[in-house]
């Protein structure tokens, strides 16, 4: 494929943005050592615009290509995790996503657990390490206040854990650090009739922390039994709230059938086109298909084409729409409604989502639509109603024969 010009910027750890330029039939690299990096990015986005769309900076770690503080933090943590090797089997099994951010407990507790793991909790040893003139000993027993001590080793914490009805005793205090404790706590199950069906470690630690703060700042004393009950109650309330939210979501009226009928009436004034793609992961080949259903004045028209070096199913779906528009131009259609069973693609084409992978193709589709048609709209079509285009795309993928416009 011939490229007019392509400028790509890569951001690497510890380096500034570096500029590369790709020209037709030759590569010109400012830094020879980064040739493999730019080549991999170029092939990953192997369908650049053919209508002269401007290049755009994208953030590779996200599908949308848009940077956010969350994605930057996750990319940094992935880099740190890849660069460090865990010393124990439990530690190597820890994952920030699994054990913290995607775990099934409240967002407030996720920030609390993150603070523990990042040594950001204002306990004695952490305050001492920051050079703050604060008491570093436990307010209950006088021992040095560390994470392991306050939540597991302190006599008060041990009494709290004895009040929690667990199926098997888990020696949490024996773990080296809190990450291993989180991993070990996955097997913790509360006995009936507590009503707890999920990990309770975070809720009990939160209750212990609150009891410690009430004693330190308000001189209010909570017994170990009261603290344990508070942890169990908080966990049960959260579980009940989540179950109720799921039940309400399931009871929402299903209006899709009515909306579908309205869409059919609307489609009568447009030339309808159904598109689909079938993609083979091993060969990176795709079968593209488009069908113009028969109307009172026109017969059915359909076409298909087999394409190589397609990076993903989404890319194949986008290419099918692009070829369908070109076919519509050859049939002198001025108003057309493109229907696809790929919701992501429809959102991109309607300007509700940005996807860096198909940026070039989507810009081509937009250019063709505005220049050669009076009106083009893009609608989602359920897969069950797109079976003919799906079958045609699969048949095209299995056979190299190209079927065009019959």
Protein backbone atom coordinates (compact mmCIF):
# COMPACT_ATOMS: atom_id res chain seq x y z
CA UNK A 1 0.00 0.00 0.00
CA UNK A 2 1.32 3.40 -0.93
CA UNK A 3 1.62 5.95 1.85
CA UNK A 4 1.97 9.66 1.30
CA UNK A 5 3.46 10.36 4.66
CA UNK A 6 3.29 8.99 8.15
CA UNK A 7 4.71 10.56 11.28
CA UNK A 8 4.58 8.48 14.42
CA UNK A 9 5.55 9.53 17.91
CA UNK A 10 6.55 6.94 20.49
CA UNK A 11 6.79 7.60 24.19
CA UNK A 12 9.27 5.33 25.94
CA UNK A 13 10.19 5.11 29.59
CA UNK A 14 13.07 7.44 30.36
CA UNK A 15 13.20 8.84 26.83
CA UNK A 16 11.62 11.79 25.09
CA UNK A 17 9.26 11.54 22.17
CA UNK A 18 11.09 10.41 19.05
CA UNK A 19 9.98 11.14 15.53
CA UNK A 20 10.07 8.77 12.62
CA UNK A 21 8.99 9.21 9.03
CA UNK A 22 7.79 6.52 6.63
CA UNK A 23 7.78 7.22 2.91
CA UNK A 24 6.72 5.21 -0.05
CA UNK A 25 8.95 2.16 -0.58
CA UNK A 26 11.51 3.25 2.01
CA UNK A 27 11.92 3.87 5.74
CA UNK A 28 13.90 6.76 7.18
CA UNK A 29 14.76 6.35 10.90
CA UNK A 30 16.13 9.09 13.10
CA UNK A 31 17.21 6.44 15.62
CA UNK A 32 18.28 3.12 14.11
CA UNK A 33 18.06 1.36 17.47
CA UNK A 34 14.27 1.95 17.56
CA UNK A 35 13.55 0.44 14.15
CA UNK A 36 11.85 -2.62 15.61
CA UNK A 37 9.60 -0.49 17.83
CA UNK A 38 8.26 1.71 15.04
CA UNK A 39 7.89 -1.27 12.70
CA UNK A 40 5.76 -3.12 15.24
CA UNK A 41 3.50 -0.08 15.68
CA UNK A 42 3.19 0.33 11.91
CA UNK A 43 2.13 -3.29 11.38
CA UNK A 44 -0.24 -3.17 14.34
CA UNK A 45 -2.07 -0.33 12.54
CA UNK A 46 -1.79 -1.89 9.10
CA UNK A 47 -4.74 -0.06 7.51
CA UNK A 48 -3.86 3.66 7.29
CA UNK A 49 -6.22 6.12 5.66
CA UNK A 50 -6.20 6.27 1.85
CA UNK A 51 -8.00 9.61 1.67
CA UNK A 52 -5.35 11.78 3.32
CA UNK A 53 -6.68 11.83 6.88
CA UNK A 54 -4.38 13.63 9.30
CA UNK A 55 -2.22 11.54 11.63
CA UNK A 56 -3.14 11.62 15.27
CA UNK A 57 -1.34 10.87 18.52
CA UNK A 58 -2.83 7.95 20.45
CA UNK A 59 -2.16 6.32 23.81
CA UNK A 60 -1.42 2.67 23.00
CA UNK A 61 -2.32 1.03 26.37
CA UNK A 62 -6.05 1.85 25.91
CA UNK A 63 -8.40 0.69 23.17
CA UNK A 64 -9.78 4.21 22.73
CA UNK A 65 -6.30 5.70 22.32
CA UNK A 66 -7.12 8.36 24.94
CA UNK A 67 -4.83 8.82 27.95
CA UNK A 68 -6.25 8.84 31.45
CA UNK A 69 -4.63 8.89 34.88
CA UNK A 70 -6.05 5.41 35.51
CA UNK A 71 -4.53 3.91 32.35
CA UNK A 72 -1.20 5.60 33.07
CA UNK A 73 -1.15 4.18 36.58
CA UNK A 74 -2.04 0.70 35.31
CA UNK A 75 0.66 0.86 32.63
CA UNK A 76 3.21 1.87 35.25
CA UNK A 77 2.17 -0.97 37.57
CA UNK A 78 2.38 -3.49 34.73
CA UNK A 79 5.90 -2.31 33.95
CA UNK A 80 6.89 -2.61 37.61
CA UNK A 81 5.35 -6.07 37.92
CA UNK A 82 7.17 -7.28 34.81
CA UNK A 83 10.47 -5.88 36.05
CA UNK A 84 10.35 -7.50 39.47
CA UNK A 85 10.24 -11.19 40.31
CA UNK A 86 8.32 -12.33 43.37
CA UNK A 87 10.24 -14.28 45.97
CA UNK A 88 7.39 -16.52 47.09
CA UNK A 89 4.61 -18.40 45.36
CA UNK A 90 1.97 -16.39 47.20
CA UNK A 91 3.54 -13.07 46.31
CA UNK A 92 3.87 -14.03 42.65
CA UNK A 93 0.14 -14.78 42.57
CA UNK A 94 -0.83 -11.29 43.70
CA UNK A 95 -2.40 -9.00 41.12
CA UNK A 96 -3.48 -5.40 41.50
CA UNK A 97 -6.48 -5.90 39.28
CA UNK A 98 -7.63 -9.21 40.75
CA UNK A 99 -6.94 -8.53 44.43
CA UNK A 100 -7.65 -4.80 44.64
CA UNK A 101 -9.35 -2.91 41.82
CA UNK A 102 -11.58 -5.69 40.44
CA UNK A 103 -12.23 -7.34 43.80
CA UNK A 104 -15.81 -7.47 45.05
CA UNK A 105 -15.89 -4.85 47.79
CA UNK A 106 -16.67 -1.14 47.99
CA UNK A 107 -14.56 1.55 46.26
CA UNK A 108 -13.82 3.10 49.66
CA UNK A 109 -12.22 -0.15 50.81
CA UNK A 110 -10.22 -0.44 47.60
CA UNK A 111 -8.60 2.91 48.33
CA UNK A 112 -8.04 1.75 51.91
CA UNK A 113 -6.31 -1.47 50.80
CA UNK A 114 -4.28 0.50 48.24
CA UNK A 115 -3.13 2.81 51.06
CA UNK A 116 -1.97 -0.19 53.09
CA UNK A 117 -0.04 -1.69 50.19
CA UNK A 118 1.58 1.64 49.30
CA UNK A 119 2.58 2.37 52.93
CA UNK A 120 0.34 5.45 52.77
CA UNK A 121 -1.72 4.64 55.86
CA UNK A 122 -0.84 7.03 58.75
CA UNK A 123 0.35 4.38 61.20
CA UNK A 124 3.33 4.64 63.53
CA UNK A 125 6.12 3.25 61.34
CA UNK A 126 4.95 5.12 58.22
CA UNK A 127 4.82 8.42 60.10
CA UNK A 128 8.28 7.75 61.55
CA UNK A 129 9.70 7.05 58.08
CA UNK A 130 8.38 10.42 56.93
CA UNK A 131 10.16 12.17 59.75
CA UNK A 132 7.00 13.22 61.60
CA UNK A 133 7.26 13.62 65.39
CA UNK A 134 4.42 11.24 66.22
CA UNK A 135 4.00 8.31 68.57
CA UNK A 136 5.02 5.12 66.77
CA UNK A 137 3.78 2.59 69.31
CA UNK A 138 0.41 0.83 69.39
CA UNK A 139 -2.10 2.71 71.54
CA UNK A 140 -3.44 -0.57 72.94
CA UNK A 141 -0.39 -2.69 73.79
CA UNK A 142 2.60 -0.37 73.38
CA UNK A 143 4.34 -2.44 70.69
CA UNK A 144 5.67 -0.82 67.52
CA UNK A 145 2.70 -0.04 65.25
CA UNK A 146 3.19 -1.74 61.89
CA UNK A 147 0.68 -3.00 59.36
CA UNK A 148 1.10 -6.60 60.50
CA UNK A 149 0.80 -5.60 64.16
CA UNK A 150 -2.26 -3.35 63.95
CA UNK A 151 -4.34 -5.76 61.86
CA UNK A 152 -3.13 -9.21 62.96
CA UNK A 153 -0.51 -9.40 65.75
CA UNK A 154 -1.96 -7.00 68.33
CA UNK A 155 -3.88 -8.90 71.06
CA UNK A 156 -6.96 -6.80 70.22
CA UNK A 157 -6.75 -7.75 66.52
CA UNK A 158 -6.25 -11.42 67.40
CA UNK A 159 -9.39 -11.32 69.57
CA UNK A 160 -11.33 -9.75 66.70
CA UNK A 161 -10.27 -12.49 64.31
CA UNK A 162 -11.26 -15.15 66.84
CA UNK A 163 -14.78 -13.71 66.77
CA UNK A 164 -15.03 -14.17 62.97
CA UNK A 165 -16.60 -17.61 62.19
CA UNK A 166 -14.30 -18.95 59.49
CA UNK A 167 -14.43 -22.51 58.10
CA UNK A 168 -10.68 -22.96 58.49
CA UNK A 169 -8.15 -21.05 60.52
CA UNK A 170 -5.97 -18.89 58.31
CA UNK A 171 -2.74 -17.68 59.90
CA UNK A 172 -2.68 -14.28 58.25
CA UNK A 173 -0.05 -12.83 60.57
CA UNK A 174 2.45 -15.44 59.40
CA UNK A 175 2.63 -13.90 55.91
CA UNK A 176 5.64 -11.77 54.97
CA UNK A 177 3.67 -8.74 53.71
CA UNK A 178 0.11 -7.60 53.12
CA UNK A 179 0.12 -8.73 49.46
CA UNK A 180 0.63 -12.32 50.55
CA UNK A 181 -2.08 -11.81 53.15
CA UNK A 182 -4.55 -10.79 50.46
CA UNK A 183 -3.69 -13.87 48.42
CA UNK A 184 -4.03 -16.16 51.44
CA UNK A 185 -7.39 -14.62 52.34
CA UNK A 186 -9.00 -15.81 49.09
CA UNK A 187 -9.76 -19.14 50.77
CA UNK A 188 -11.44 -17.51 53.77
CA UNK A 189 -15.15 -18.44 53.98
CA UNK A 190 -17.51 -17.36 56.73
CA UNK A 191 -19.82 -19.93 58.30
CA UNK A 192 -23.61 -19.47 58.34
CA UNK A 193 -25.66 -17.65 59.45
CA UNK A 194 -23.45 -14.62 58.81
CA UNK A 195 -24.71 -14.31 55.22
CA UNK A 196 -21.17 -13.60 53.96
CA UNK A 197 -20.35 -15.31 50.66
CA UNK A 198 -17.23 -13.32 49.77
CA UNK A 199 -13.84 -12.41 51.17
CA UNK A 200 -14.25 -10.64 54.51
CA UNK A 201 -10.62 -9.69 55.17
CA UNK A 202 -10.96 -6.12 53.88
CA UNK A 203 -14.09 -5.43 55.94
CA UNK A 204 -12.55 -6.73 59.17
CA UNK A 205 -9.38 -4.68 58.61
CA UNK A 206 -11.55 -1.62 57.99
CA UNK A 207 -13.45 -2.25 61.25
CA UNK A 208 -10.17 -2.65 63.18
CA UNK A 209 -8.83 0.56 61.66
CA UNK A 210 -11.97 2.51 62.59
CA UNK A 211 -11.91 1.12 66.15
CA UNK A 212 -8.28 2.22 66.47
CA UNK A 213 -9.11 5.76 65.24
CA UNK A 214 -12.10 6.10 67.57
CA UNK A 215 -9.86 5.18 70.51
CA UNK A 216 -7.00 7.46 69.41
CA UNK A 217 -8.94 10.59 68.49
CA UNK A 218 -12.23 10.36 70.40
CA UNK A 219 -11.29 8.12 73.34
CA UNK A 220 -14.18 5.83 72.44
CA UNK A 221 -13.62 2.16 73.23
CA UNK A 222 -15.08 -0.65 71.12
CA UNK A 223 -14.67 -4.24 72.25
CA UNK A 224 -13.29 -6.95 69.99
CA UNK A 225 -16.80 -8.46 69.70
CA UNK A 226 -18.30 -5.14 68.63
CA UNK A 227 -15.53 -4.63 66.08
CA UNK A 228 -16.00 -8.12 64.61
CA UNK A 229 -19.77 -7.63 64.38
CA UNK A 230 -19.25 -4.28 62.66
CA UNK A 231 -17.02 -5.90 60.03
CA UNK A 232 -19.56 -8.67 59.39
CA UNK A 233 -22.47 -6.22 59.19
CA UNK A 234 -20.65 -3.91 56.76
CA UNK A 235 -19.78 -6.82 54.48
CA UNK A 236 -23.34 -8.19 54.55
CA UNK A 237 -24.84 -4.75 53.80
CA UNK A 238 -22.56 -4.37 50.77
CA UNK A 239 -23.45 -7.84 49.43
CA UNK A 240 -27.17 -7.19 49.90
CA UNK A 241 -26.95 -3.83 48.12
CA UNK A 242 -25.16 -5.39 45.13
CA UNK A 243 -27.68 -8.22 44.87
CA UNK A 244 -30.58 -5.74 44.99
CA UNK A 245 -28.98 -3.62 42.26
CA UNK A 246 -28.62 -6.67 40.00
CA UNK A 247 -32.25 -7.65 40.66
CA UNK A 248 -33.51 -4.18 39.70
CA UNK A 249 -31.43 -4.24 36.53
CA UNK A 250 -32.96 -7.60 35.56
CA UNK A 251 -36.48 -6.19 36.05
CA UNK A 252 -36.03 -3.28 33.63
CA UNK A 253 -38.51 -3.47 30.72
CA UNK A 254 -37.13 -4.82 27.46
CA UNK A 255 -37.97 -2.18 24.88
CA UNK A 256 -35.72 -3.36 22.09
CA UNK A 257 -38.53 -5.04 20.12
CA UNK A 258 -40.57 -1.81 19.99
CA UNK A 259 -37.54 0.24 19.00
CA UNK A 260 -36.76 -2.26 16.29
CA UNK A 261 -40.21 -1.77 14.75
CA UNK A 262 -39.69 2.01 14.69
CA UNK A 263 -36.34 1.52 12.99
CA UNK A 264 -37.94 -0.62 10.28
CA UNK A 265 -40.36 2.20 9.43
CA UNK A 266 -37.46 4.65 9.29
CA UNK A 267 -35.43 2.39 7.01
CA UNK A 268 -38.11 2.48 4.31
CA UNK A 269 -36.84 5.83 3.00
CA UNK A 270 -33.23 4.65 2.73
CA UNK A 271 -31.40 2.08 0.65
CA UNK A 272 -30.57 -0.58 3.20
CA UNK A 273 -27.21 -2.35 3.24
CA UNK A 274 -26.21 -5.15 5.62
CA UNK A 275 -22.51 -5.78 6.16
CA UNK A 276 -20.49 -8.40 7.99
CA UNK A 277 -17.00 -9.87 8.17
CA UNK A 278 -15.53 -13.25 9.05
CA UNK A 279 -11.96 -13.27 10.39
CA UNK A 280 -9.40 -16.06 10.73
CA UNK A 281 -7.00 -15.48 13.62
CA UNK A 282 -4.21 -17.78 12.40
CA UNK A 283 -3.92 -16.46 8.83
CA UNK A 284 -5.14 -12.88 9.51
CA UNK A 285 -7.42 -13.21 6.48
CA UNK A 286 -10.96 -11.88 6.43
CA UNK A 287 -14.03 -12.46 4.30
CA UNK A 288 -16.00 -9.25 3.79
CA UNK A 289 -19.62 -9.22 2.68
CA UNK A 290 -22.37 -6.69 1.98
CA UNK A 291 -25.97 -7.18 0.86
CA UNK A 292 -28.49 -4.68 -0.54
CA UNK A 293 -31.86 -6.43 0.05
CA UNK A 294 -34.38 -6.46 -2.79
CA UNK A 295 -37.03 -3.75 -2.90
CA UNK A 296 -40.14 -3.23 -5.05
CA UNK A 297 -38.07 -1.44 -7.69
CA UNK A 298 -34.61 -3.01 -7.40
CA UNK A 299 -33.34 -6.60 -7.20
CA UNK A 300 -31.08 -7.84 -4.44
CA UNK A 301 -27.42 -6.90 -4.83
CA UNK A 302 -24.62 -8.51 -2.91
CA UNK A 303 -20.85 -8.61 -2.95
CA UNK A 304 -17.92 -10.11 -1.09
CA UNK A 305 -14.17 -9.88 -1.03
CA UNK A 306 -11.35 -11.72 0.67
CA UNK A 307 -8.70 -9.48 2.25
CA UNK A 308 -5.31 -10.39 3.72
CA UNK A 309 -3.39 -8.88 6.66
CA UNK A 310 -6.44 -7.86 8.67
CA UNK A 311 -5.46 -7.19 12.28
CA UNK A 312 -8.74 -7.99 14.05
CA UNK A 313 -12.47 -8.72 13.59
CA UNK A 314 -13.20 -5.02 14.18
CA UNK A 315 -10.87 -4.06 11.36
CA UNK A 316 -12.63 -6.56 9.08
CA UNK A 317 -16.05 -5.13 9.95
CA UNK A 318 -14.82 -1.60 9.18
CA UNK A 319 -13.36 -2.69 5.83
CA UNK A 320 -16.68 -4.35 4.93
CA UNK A 321 -18.51 -1.05 5.51
CA UNK A 322 -15.97 0.82 3.38
CA UNK A 323 -16.37 -1.62 0.48
CA UNK A 324 -20.15 -1.50 0.84
CA UNK A 325 -20.08 2.29 0.41
CA UNK A 326 -17.98 1.96 -2.72
CA UNK A 327 -20.45 -0.58 -4.06
CA UNK A 328 -23.32 1.82 -3.30
CA UNK A 329 -21.56 4.54 -5.32
CA UNK A 330 -21.35 2.21 -8.32
CA UNK A 331 -25.13 1.63 -8.04
CA UNK A 332 -25.84 5.41 -7.96
CA UNK A 333 -27.38 5.35 -4.48
CA UNK A 334 -27.60 8.74 -2.77
CA UNK A 335 -29.14 7.85 0.62
CA UNK A 336 -28.08 4.70 2.38
CA UNK A 337 -28.33 3.15 5.81
CA UNK A 338 -25.45 0.81 6.69
CA UNK A 339 -26.31 -1.89 9.22
CA UNK A 340 -23.71 -3.95 11.09
CA UNK A 341 -23.91 -6.36 14.01
CA UNK A 342 -20.74 -4.89 15.55
CA UNK A 343 -21.81 -2.35 18.19
CA UNK A 344 -18.29 -1.00 18.68
CA UNK A 345 -17.98 -0.16 14.99
CA UNK A 346 -21.37 1.56 14.92
CA UNK A 347 -20.43 3.70 17.92
CA UNK A 348 -17.16 4.71 16.22
CA UNK A 349 -18.87 5.60 12.94
CA UNK A 350 -21.51 7.64 14.77
CA UNK A 351 -18.84 9.63 16.60
CA UNK A 352 -19.63 8.23 20.06
CA UNK A 353 -16.36 6.33 20.46
CA UNK A 354 -12.75 6.66 19.33
CA UNK A 355 -10.82 3.52 18.45
CA UNK A 356 -7.19 3.92 17.45
CA UNK A 357 -7.06 0.62 15.53
CA UNK A 358 -9.58 1.65 12.87
CA UNK A 359 -8.87 5.39 12.89
CA UNK A 360 -7.68 5.44 9.28
CA UNK A 361 -10.59 3.34 7.98
CA UNK A 362 -13.19 5.34 9.90
CA UNK A 363 -11.79 8.56 8.44
CA UNK A 364 -12.04 7.07 4.94
CA UNK A 365 -15.66 6.07 5.58
CA UNK A 366 -16.46 9.56 6.81
CA UNK A 367 -14.79 11.13 3.77
CA UNK A 368 -16.64 8.88 1.32
CA UNK A 369 -19.96 9.45 3.09
CA UNK A 370 -19.74 13.25 3.06
CA UNK A 371 -18.40 13.57 -0.48
CA UNK A 372 -20.46 11.04 -2.46
CA UNK A 373 -23.80 10.70 -0.66
CA UNK A 374 -26.70 12.95 0.27
CA UNK A 375 -27.12 11.08 3.57
CA UNK A 376 -25.48 8.05 5.15
CA UNK A 377 -26.42 6.66 8.53
CA UNK A 378 -25.05 3.73 10.52
CA UNK A 379 -27.25 1.45 12.63
CA UNK A 380 -26.75 -1.60 14.78
CA UNK A 381 -28.41 -4.78 13.53
CA UNK A 382 -28.77 -7.82 15.85
CA UNK A 383 -26.74 -10.80 14.70
CA UNK A 384 -29.87 -12.91 14.24
CA UNK A 385 -31.12 -10.46 11.60
CA UNK A 386 -27.78 -10.40 9.77
CA UNK A 387 -27.44 -14.10 9.07
CA UNK A 388 -27.27 -13.77 5.26
CA UNK A 389 -24.35 -11.35 5.31
CA UNK A 390 -22.66 -13.51 7.95
CA UNK A 391 -23.00 -16.64 5.80
CA UNK A 392 -21.72 -14.80 2.74
CA UNK A 393 -18.67 -13.51 4.64
CA UNK A 394 -17.84 -16.99 5.95
CA UNK A 395 -18.18 -18.50 2.48
CA UNK A 396 -15.90 -15.81 1.09
CA UNK A 397 -13.28 -16.51 3.75
CA UNK A 398 -13.26 -20.23 2.91
CA UNK A 399 -12.87 -19.56 -0.82
CA UNK A 400 -10.51 -17.08 -2.53
CA UNK A 401 -13.14 -16.44 -5.21
CA UNK A 402 -14.43 -12.84 -5.11
CA UNK A 403 -18.13 -12.28 -5.72
CA UNK A 404 -18.92 -8.73 -6.76
CA UNK A 405 -22.32 -7.09 -7.29
CA UNK A 406 -24.77 -9.62 -8.54
